[in-house]
Amino acid sequence: MSKKVIIVGGVAGGASTAARLRRLDELPDDKPIYAFCQEGFRAYISQMNLLQRDYDVRNLIGGIKTYIMATATQEELKEMAKNPPYRTIF
């Protein structure tokens, strides 16, 4: 069985949440939707919005940053400590 991955979320300069909600008819209602973002919050908001509309939604808790850290080898972690693969803005 093949799965189609639907990306729910934004990219830099992407559409607003309201604009994305207007495109709900493009999402499959017979397959799971996987929501993810950098740190997990935007994906969580998307997941909640879609669950309220009876979609089957899965969320990568913690986001891509957590996934990268959890799956990295010790050597990769040492390199990331010197040169992070992402930018943090405070």
PDB file of N, CA and C in Angstrom:
ATOM      1  N   MET A   1       0.845  -1.170   0.000  1.00  0.00           N
ATOM      2  CA  MET A   1       0.000   0.000   0.000  1.00  0.00           C
ATOM      3  C   MET A   1       0.895   1.239   0.000  1.00  0.00           C
ATOM      4  N   SER A   2       0.655   2.153  -0.911  1.00  0.00           N
ATOM      5  CA  SER A   2       1.450   3.375  -0.941  1.00  0.00           C
ATOM      6  C   SER A   2       0.751   4.463  -0.142  1.00  0.00           C
ATOM      7  N   LYS A   3       1.563   5.278   0.510  1.00  0.00           N
ATOM      8  CA  LYS A   3       1.029   6.382   1.296  1.00  0.00           C
ATOM      9  C   LYS A   3       1.398   7.679   0.616  1.00  0.00           C
ATOM     10  N   LYS A   4       0.485   8.593   0.634  1.00  0.00           N
ATOM     11  CA  LYS A   4       0.758   9.922   0.120  1.00  0.00           C
ATOM     12  C   LYS A   4       0.979  10.819   1.319  1.00  0.00           C
ATOM     13  N   VAL A   5       2.110  11.511   1.348  1.00  0.00           N
ATOM     14  CA  VAL A   5       2.414  12.393   2.455  1.00  0.00           C
ATOM     15  C   VAL A   5       1.925  13.789   2.118  1.00  0.00           C
ATOM     16  N   ILE A   6       1.108  14.329   2.980  1.00  0.00           N
ATOM     17  CA  ILE A   6       0.606  15.685   2.827  1.00  0.00           C
ATOM     18  C   ILE A   6       1.320  16.549   3.849  1.00  0.00           C
ATOM     19  N   ILE A   7       1.941  17.613   3.411  1.00  0.00           N
ATOM     20  CA  ILE A   7       2.643  18.508   4.318  1.00  0.00           C
ATOM     21  C   ILE A   7       1.701  19.637   4.702  1.00  0.00           C
ATOM     22  N   VAL A   8       1.411  19.727   5.983  1.00  0.00           N
ATOM     23  CA  VAL A   8       0.568  20.794   6.513  1.00  0.00           C
ATOM     24  C   VAL A   8       1.459  21.682   7.344  1.00  0.00           C
ATOM     25  N   GLY A   9       1.588  22.901   6.961  1.00  0.00           N
ATOM     26  CA  GLY A   9       2.464  23.806   7.682  1.00  0.00           C
ATOM     27  C   GLY A   9       2.913  24.913   6.768  1.00  0.00           C
ATOM     28  N   GLY A  10       3.876  25.639   7.194  1.00  0.00           N
ATOM     29  CA  GLY A  10       4.305  26.770   6.400  1.00  0.00           C
ATOM     30  C   GLY A  10       5.776  26.730   6.081  1.00  0.00           C
ATOM     31  N   VAL A  11       6.127  27.546   5.149  1.00  0.00           N
ATOM     32  CA  VAL A  11       7.522  27.790   4.823  1.00  0.00           C
ATOM     33  C   VAL A  11       7.729  29.292   4.939  1.00  0.00           C
ATOM     34  N   ALA A  12       8.958  29.706   4.957  1.00  0.00           N
ATOM     35  CA  ALA A  12       9.229  31.143   5.066  1.00  0.00           C
ATOM     36  C   ALA A  12       8.482  31.883   3.964  1.00  0.00           C
ATOM     37  N   GLY A  13       7.722  32.869   4.347  1.00  0.00           N
ATOM     38  CA  GLY A  13       6.950  33.635   3.377  1.00  0.00           C
ATOM     39  C   GLY A  13       5.714  32.903   2.889  1.00  0.00           C
ATOM     40  N   GLY A  14       5.321  31.830   3.587  1.00  0.00           N
ATOM     41  CA  GLY A  14       4.194  31.011   3.156  1.00  0.00           C
ATOM     42  C   GLY A  14       2.848  31.649   3.450  1.00  0.00           C
ATOM     43  N   ALA A  15       1.815  30.923   3.121  1.00  0.00           N
ATOM     44  CA  ALA A  15       0.448  31.417   3.281  1.00  0.00           C
ATOM     45  C   ALA A  15       0.039  31.428   4.753  1.00  0.00           C
ATOM     46  N   SER A  16      -0.938  32.240   5.055  1.00  0.00           N
ATOM     47  CA  SER A  16      -1.461  32.316   6.415  1.00  0.00           C
ATOM     48  C   SER A  16      -2.307  31.084   6.718  1.00  0.00           C
ATOM     49  N   THR A  17      -2.584  30.888   7.991  1.00  0.00           N
ATOM     50  CA  THR A  17      -3.439  29.763   8.390  1.00  0.00           C
ATOM     51  C   THR A  17      -4.802  29.869   7.730  1.00  0.00           C
ATOM     52  N   ALA A  18      -5.356  31.071   7.671  1.00  0.00           N
ATOM     53  CA  ALA A  18      -6.673  31.259   7.044  1.00  0.00           C
ATOM     54  C   ALA A  18      -6.636  30.847   5.582  1.00  0.00           C
ATOM     55  N   ALA A  19      -5.549  31.190   4.886  1.00  0.00           N
ATOM     56  CA  ALA A  19      -5.433  30.813   3.478  1.00  0.00           C
ATOM     57  C   ALA A  19      -5.345  29.297   3.332  1.00  0.00           C
ATOM     58  N   ARG A  20      -4.629  28.643   4.248  1.00  0.00           N
ATOM     59  CA  ARG A  20      -4.534  27.187   4.187  1.00  0.00           C
ATOM     60  C   ARG A  20      -5.874  26.524   4.460  1.00  0.00           C
ATOM     61  N   LEU A  21      -6.641  27.079   5.398  1.00  0.00           N
ATOM     62  CA  LEU A  21      -7.944  26.494   5.717  1.00  0.00           C
ATOM     63  C   LEU A  21      -8.903  26.571   4.537  1.00  0.00           C
ATOM     64  N   ARG A  22      -8.719  27.533   3.656  1.00  0.00           N
ATOM     65  CA  ARG A  22      -9.566  27.623   2.463  1.00  0.00           C
ATOM     66  C   ARG A  22      -9.248  26.514   1.472  1.00  0.00           C
ATOM     67  N   ARG A  23      -8.141  25.816   1.673  1.00  0.00           N
ATOM     68  CA  ARG A  23      -7.730  24.756   0.742  1.00  0.00           C
ATOM     69  C   ARG A  23      -7.965  23.358   1.312  1.00  0.00           C
ATOM     70  N   LEU A  24      -8.833  23.224   2.297  1.00  0.00           N
ATOM     71  CA  LEU A  24      -9.082  21.928   2.928  1.00  0.00           C
ATOM     72  C   LEU A  24      -9.575  20.874   1.945  1.00  0.00           C
ATOM     73  N   ASP A  25     -10.259  21.303   0.909  1.00  0.00           N
ATOM     74  CA  ASP A  25     -10.782  20.331  -0.057  1.00  0.00           C
ATOM     75  C   ASP A  25      -9.663  19.600  -0.806  1.00  0.00           C
ATOM     76  N   GLU A  26      -8.431  20.088  -0.716  1.00  0.00           N
ATOM     77  CA  GLU A  26      -7.306  19.418  -1.371  1.00  0.00           C
ATOM     78  C   GLU A  26      -6.727  18.285  -0.524  1.00  0.00           C
ATOM     79  N   LEU A  27      -7.112  18.213   0.745  1.00  0.00           N
ATOM     80  CA  LEU A  27      -6.592  17.169   1.626  1.00  0.00           C
ATOM     81  C   LEU A  27      -7.426  15.899   1.493  1.00  0.00           C
ATOM     82  N   PRO A  28      -6.767  14.734   1.523  1.00  0.00           N
ATOM     83  CA  PRO A  28      -7.525  13.487   1.429  1.00  0.00           C
ATOM     84  C   PRO A  28      -8.277  13.220   2.734  1.00  0.00           C
ATOM     85  N   ASP A  29      -9.473  12.707   2.623  1.00  0.00           N
ATOM     86  CA  ASP A  29     -10.210  12.365   3.840  1.00  0.00           C
ATOM     87  C   ASP A  29     -10.188  10.862   4.100  1.00  0.00           C
ATOM     88  N   ASP A  30      -9.466  10.118   3.242  1.00  0.00           N
ATOM     89  CA  ASP A  30      -9.388   8.669   3.401  1.00  0.00           C
ATOM     90  C   ASP A  30      -7.982   8.180   3.756  1.00  0.00           C
ATOM     91  N   LYS A  31      -7.041   9.117   3.997  1.00  0.00           N
ATOM     92  CA  LYS A  31      -5.666   8.759   4.334  1.00  0.00           C
ATOM     93  C   LYS A  31      -5.193   9.634   5.487  1.00  0.00           C
ATOM     94  N   PRO A  32      -4.231   9.133   6.259  1.00  0.00           N
ATOM     95  CA  PRO A  32      -3.707   9.974   7.349  1.00  0.00           C
ATOM     96  C   PRO A  32      -2.908  11.147   6.800  1.00  0.00           C
ATOM     97  N   ILE A  33      -2.929  12.236   7.537  1.00  0.00           N
ATOM     98  CA  ILE A  33      -2.179  13.435   7.208  1.00  0.00           C
ATOM     99  C   ILE A  33      -1.122  13.604   8.289  1.00  0.00           C
ATOM    100  N   TYR A  34       0.112  13.867   7.882  1.00  0.00           N
ATOM    101  CA  TYR A  34       1.222  14.018   8.818  1.00  0.00           C
ATOM    102  C   TYR A  34       1.598  15.493   8.898  1.00  0.00           C
ATOM    103  N   ALA A  35       1.446  16.061  10.083  1.00  0.00           N
ATOM    104  CA  ALA A  35       1.759  17.470  10.290  1.00  0.00           C
ATOM    105  C   ALA A  35       3.101  17.588  10.996  1.00  0.00           C
ATOM    106  N   PHE A  36       3.941  18.493  10.499  1.00  0.00           N
ATOM    107  CA  PHE A  36       5.215  18.736  11.170  1.00  0.00           C
ATOM    108  C   PHE A  36       5.704  20.142  10.833  1.00  0.00           C
ATOM    109  N   CYS A  37       6.555  20.635  11.699  1.00  0.00           N
ATOM    110  CA  CYS A  37       7.166  21.943  11.505  1.00  0.00           C
ATOM    111  C   CYS A  37       8.519  21.919  12.211  1.00  0.00           C
ATOM    112  N   GLN A  38       9.149  23.060  12.397  1.00  0.00           N
ATOM    113  CA  GLN A  38      10.473  23.092  13.017  1.00  0.00           C
ATOM    114  C   GLN A  38      10.471  22.607  14.463  1.00  0.00           C
ATOM    115  N   GLU A  39       9.552  23.136  15.273  1.00  0.00           N
ATOM    116  CA  GLU A  39       9.586  22.839  16.710  1.00  0.00           C
ATOM    117  C   GLU A  39       8.314  22.197  17.253  1.00  0.00           C
ATOM    118  N   GLY A  40       7.292  22.042  16.440  1.00  0.00           N
ATOM    119  CA  GLY A  40       6.107  21.322  16.857  1.00  0.00           C
ATOM    120  C   GLY A  40       4.858  22.135  17.123  1.00  0.00           C
ATOM    121  N   PHE A  41       4.981  23.437  17.392  1.00  0.00           N
ATOM    122  CA  PHE A  41       3.805  24.211  17.772  1.00  0.00           C
ATOM    123  C   PHE A  41       2.855  24.445  16.598  1.00  0.00           C
ATOM    124  N   ARG A  42       3.370  24.873  15.463  1.00  0.00           N
ATOM    125  CA  ARG A  42       2.496  25.122  14.306  1.00  0.00           C
ATOM    126  C   ARG A  42       1.834  23.836  13.829  1.00  0.00           C
ATOM    127  N   ALA A  43       2.574  22.729  13.884  1.00  0.00           N
ATOM    128  CA  ALA A  43       1.993  21.442  13.499  1.00  0.00           C
ATOM    129  C   ALA A  43       0.884  21.047  14.469  1.00  0.00           C
ATOM    130  N   TYR A  44       1.083  21.329  15.756  1.00  0.00           N
ATOM    131  CA  TYR A  44       0.058  21.035  16.758  1.00  0.00           C
ATOM    132  C   TYR A  44      -1.217  21.837  16.464  1.00  0.00           C
ATOM    133  N   ILE A  45      -1.071  23.124  16.153  1.00  0.00           N
ATOM    134  CA  ILE A  45      -2.234  23.963  15.825  1.00  0.00           C
ATOM    135  C   ILE A  45      -2.938  23.420  14.587  1.00  0.00           C
ATOM    136  N   SER A  46      -2.163  23.044  13.571  1.00  0.00           N
ATOM    137  CA  SER A  46      -2.752  22.455  12.365  1.00  0.00           C
ATOM    138  C   SER A  46      -3.468  21.151  12.675  1.00  0.00           C
ATOM    139  N   GLN A  47      -2.842  20.342  13.518  1.00  0.00           N
ATOM    140  CA  GLN A  47      -3.457  19.070  13.902  1.00  0.00           C
ATOM    141  C   GLN A  47      -4.798  19.302  14.594  1.00  0.00           C
ATOM    142  N   MET A  48      -4.845  20.227  15.529  1.00  0.00           N
ATOM    143  CA  MET A  48      -6.089  20.511  16.242  1.00  0.00           C
ATOM    144  C   MET A  48      -7.177  21.010  15.284  1.00  0.00           C
ATOM    145  N   ASN A  49      -6.799  21.897  14.356  1.00  0.00           N
ATOM    146  CA  ASN A  49      -7.759  22.402  13.369  1.00  0.00           C
ATOM    147  C   ASN A  49      -8.320  21.267  12.517  1.00  0.00           C
ATOM    148  N   LEU A  50      -7.449  20.372  12.083  1.00  0.00           N
ATOM    149  CA  LEU A  50      -7.891  19.282  11.216  1.00  0.00           C
ATOM    150  C   LEU A  50      -8.669  18.216  11.982  1.00  0.00           C
ATOM    151  N   LEU A  51      -8.282  17.943  13.236  1.00  0.00           N
ATOM    152  CA  LEU A  51      -9.040  16.977  14.043  1.00  0.00           C
ATOM    153  C   LEU A  51     -10.470  17.457  14.274  1.00  0.00           C
ATOM    154  N   GLN A  52     -10.646  18.757  14.457  1.00  0.00           N
ATOM    155  CA  GLN A  52     -11.992  19.310  14.637  1.00  0.00           C
ATOM    156  C   GLN A  52     -12.847  19.115  13.392  1.00  0.00           C
ATOM    157  N   ARG A  53     -12.191  18.901  12.261  1.00  0.00           N
ATOM    158  CA  ARG A  53     -12.898  18.682  10.991  1.00  0.00           C
ATOM    159  C   ARG A  53     -12.898  17.204  10.595  1.00  0.00           C
ATOM    160  N   ASP A  54     -12.600  16.332  11.559  1.00  0.00           N
ATOM    161  CA  ASP A  54     -12.654  14.873  11.400  1.00  0.00           C
ATOM    162  C   ASP A  54     -11.625  14.293  10.433  1.00  0.00           C
ATOM    163  N   TYR A  55     -10.472  14.942  10.281  1.00  0.00           N
ATOM    164  CA  TYR A  55      -9.384  14.359   9.505  1.00  0.00           C
ATOM    165  C   TYR A  55      -8.562  13.451  10.404  1.00  0.00           C
ATOM    166  N   ASP A  56      -7.923  12.446   9.798  1.00  0.00           N
ATOM    167  CA  ASP A  56      -7.006  11.554  10.503  1.00  0.00           C
ATOM    168  C   ASP A  56      -5.627  12.209  10.437  1.00  0.00           C
ATOM    169  N   VAL A  57      -5.201  12.845  11.533  1.00  0.00           N
ATOM    170  CA  VAL A  57      -3.977  13.644  11.545  1.00  0.00           C
ATOM    171  C   VAL A  57      -2.978  13.089  12.551  1.00  0.00           C
ATOM    172  N   ARG A  58      -1.723  13.005  12.134  1.00  0.00           N
ATOM    173  CA  ARG A  58      -0.626  12.606  13.010  1.00  0.00           C
ATOM    174  C   ARG A  58       0.321  13.793  13.108  1.00  0.00           C
ATOM    175  N   ASN A  59       0.918  13.977  14.271  1.00  0.00           N
ATOM    176  CA  ASN A  59       1.808  15.103  14.500  1.00  0.00           C
ATOM    177  C   ASN A  59       3.172  14.603  14.941  1.00  0.00           C
ATOM    178  N   LEU A  60       4.227  15.109  14.316  1.00  0.00           N
ATOM    179  CA  LEU A  60       5.589  14.800  14.743  1.00  0.00           C
ATOM    180  C   LEU A  60       5.885  15.698  15.943  1.00  0.00           C
ATOM    181  N   ILE A  61       5.642  15.167  17.139  1.00  0.00           N
ATOM    182  CA  ILE A  61       5.773  15.948  18.366  1.00  0.00           C
ATOM    183  C   ILE A  61       7.221  16.393  18.544  1.00  0.00           C
ATOM    184  N   GLY A  62       7.406  17.673  18.797  1.00  0.00           N
ATOM    185  CA  GLY A  62       8.748  18.220  18.955  1.00  0.00           C
ATOM    186  C   GLY A  62       9.335  18.757  17.662  1.00  0.00           C
ATOM    187  N   GLY A  63       8.717  18.420  16.554  1.00  0.00           N
ATOM    188  CA  GLY A  63       9.137  18.962  15.270  1.00  0.00           C
ATOM    189  C   GLY A  63      10.390  18.330  14.688  1.00  0.00           C
ATOM    190  N   ILE A  64      10.814  18.920  13.580  1.00  0.00           N
ATOM    191  CA  ILE A  64      11.973  18.427  12.850  1.00  0.00           C
ATOM    192  C   ILE A  64      13.242  18.539  13.690  1.00  0.00           C
ATOM    193  N   LYS A  65      13.370  19.611  14.469  1.00  0.00           N
ATOM    194  CA  LYS A  65      14.577  19.779  15.289  1.00  0.00           C
ATOM    195  C   LYS A  65      14.746  18.621  16.262  1.00  0.00           C
ATOM    196  N   THR A  66      13.668  18.212  16.916  1.00  0.00           N
ATOM    197  CA  THR A  66      13.734  17.093  17.850  1.00  0.00           C
ATOM    198  C   THR A  66      14.045  15.798  17.114  1.00  0.00           C
ATOM    199  N   TYR A  67      13.440  15.603  15.955  1.00  0.00           N
ATOM    200  CA  TYR A  67      13.687  14.400  15.159  1.00  0.00           C
ATOM    201  C   TYR A  67      15.164  14.318  14.764  1.00  0.00           C
ATOM    202  N   ILE A  68      15.732  15.442  14.329  1.00  0.00           N
ATOM    203  CA  ILE A  68      17.142  15.464  13.948  1.00  0.00           C
ATOM    204  C   ILE A  68      18.021  15.077  15.134  1.00  0.00           C
ATOM    205  N   MET A  69      17.743  15.668  16.279  1.00  0.00           N
ATOM    206  CA  MET A  69      18.556  15.384  17.463  1.00  0.00           C
ATOM    207  C   MET A  69      18.387  13.933  17.937  1.00  0.00           C
ATOM    208  N   ALA A  70      17.176  13.409  17.840  1.00  0.00           N
ATOM    209  CA  ALA A  70      16.909  12.055  18.330  1.00  0.00           C
ATOM    210  C   ALA A  70      17.498  10.973  17.431  1.00  0.00           C
ATOM    211  N   THR A  71      17.697  11.276  16.157  1.00  0.00           N
ATOM    212  CA  THR A  71      18.175  10.260  15.225  1.00  0.00           C
ATOM    213  C   THR A  71      19.642  10.427  14.853  1.00  0.00           C
ATOM    214  N   ALA A  72      20.307  11.448  15.386  1.00  0.00           N
ATOM    215  CA  ALA A  72      21.710  11.717  15.046  1.00  0.00           C
ATOM    216  C   ALA A  72      22.657  10.760  15.770  1.00  0.00           C
ATOM    217  N   THR A  73      23.764  10.477  15.123  1.00  0.00           N
ATOM    218  CA  THR A  73      24.817   9.693  15.762  1.00  0.00           C
ATOM    219  C   THR A  73      25.611  10.604  16.700  1.00  0.00           C
ATOM    220  N   GLN A  74      26.463  10.010  17.522  1.00  0.00           N
ATOM    221  CA  GLN A  74      27.293  10.810  18.427  1.00  0.00           C
ATOM    222  C   GLN A  74      28.192  11.774  17.649  1.00  0.00           C
ATOM    223  N   GLU A  75      28.736  11.320  16.545  1.00  0.00           N
ATOM    224  CA  GLU A  75      29.595  12.186  15.723  1.00  0.00           C
ATOM    225  C   GLU A  75      28.793  13.349  15.147  1.00  0.00           C
ATOM    226  N   GLU A  76      27.582  13.072  14.683  1.00  0.00           N
ATOM    227  CA  GLU A  76      26.731  14.138  14.138  1.00  0.00           C
ATOM    228  C   GLU A  76      26.348  15.138  15.228  1.00  0.00           C
ATOM    229  N   LEU A  77      26.086  14.652  16.435  1.00  0.00           N
ATOM    230  CA  LEU A  77      25.750  15.553  17.537  1.00  0.00           C
ATOM    231  C   LEU A  77      26.913  16.490  17.873  1.00  0.00           C
ATOM    232  N   LYS A  78      28.131  15.950  17.853  1.00  0.00           N
ATOM    233  CA  LYS A  78      29.301  16.791  18.109  1.00  0.00           C
ATOM    234  C   LYS A  78      29.438  17.867  17.042  1.00  0.00           C
ATOM    235  N   GLU A  79      29.209  17.500  15.791  1.00  0.00           N
ATOM    236  CA  GLU A  79      29.295  18.467  14.694  1.00  0.00           C
ATOM    237  C   GLU A  79      28.189  19.511  14.803  1.00  0.00           C
ATOM    238  N   MET A  80      26.989  19.079  15.177  1.00  0.00           N
ATOM    239  CA  MET A  80      25.874  20.020  15.332  1.00  0.00           C
ATOM    240  C   MET A  80      26.112  21.000  16.465  1.00  0.00           C
ATOM    241  N   ALA A  81      26.841  20.563  17.496  1.00  0.00           N
ATOM    242  CA  ALA A  81      27.154  21.463  18.597  1.00  0.00           C
ATOM    243  C   ALA A  81      28.028  22.614  18.110  1.00  0.00           C
ATOM    244  N   LYS A  82      28.891  22.328  17.137  1.00  0.00           N
ATOM    245  CA  LYS A  82      29.760  23.366  16.564  1.00  0.00           C
ATOM    246  C   LYS A  82      29.030  24.202  15.515  1.00  0.00           C
ATOM    247  N   ASN A  83      28.251  23.539  14.676  1.00  0.00           N
ATOM    248  CA  ASN A  83      27.541  24.187  13.564  1.00  0.00           C
ATOM    249  C   ASN A  83      26.102  23.699  13.525  1.00  0.00           C
ATOM    250  N   PRO A  84      25.186  24.353  14.246  1.00  0.00           N
ATOM    251  CA  PRO A  84      23.787  23.886  14.266  1.00  0.00           C
ATOM    252  C   PRO A  84      23.170  23.863  12.863  1.00  0.00           C
ATOM    253  N   PRO A  85      22.364  22.823  12.568  1.00  0.00           N
ATOM    254  CA  PRO A  85      21.754  22.710  11.248  1.00  0.00           C
ATOM    255  C   PRO A  85      20.563  23.642  11.060  1.00  0.00           C
ATOM    256  N   TYR A  86      20.243  24.427  12.060  1.00  0.00           N
ATOM    257  CA  TYR A  86      19.124  25.349  11.994  1.00  0.00           C
ATOM    258  C   TYR A  86      19.488  26.618  12.741  1.00  0.00           C
ATOM    259  N   ARG A  87      18.740  27.654  12.515  1.00  0.00           N
ATOM    260  CA  ARG A  87      18.965  28.937  13.156  1.00  0.00           C
ATOM    261  C   ARG A  87      17.930  29.158  14.238  1.00  0.00           C
ATOM    262  N   THR A  88      18.339  29.610  15.378  1.00  0.00           N
ATOM    263  CA  THR A  88      17.406  29.953  16.463  1.00  0.00           C
ATOM    264  C   THR A  88      17.395  31.460  16.631  1.00  0.00           C
ATOM    265  N   ILE A  89      16.213  32.036  16.634  1.00  0.00           N
ATOM    266  CA  ILE A  89      16.069  33.487  16.790  1.00  0.00           C
ATOM    267  C   ILE A  89      15.355  33.749  18.097  1.00  0.00           C
ATOM    268  N   PHE A  90      15.920  34.569  18.944  1.00  0.00           N
ATOM    269  CA  PHE A  90      15.300  34.934  20.217  1.00  0.00           C
ATOM    270  C   PHE A  90      14.948  36.390  20.209  1.00  0.00           C
TER     271      PHE A  90
END
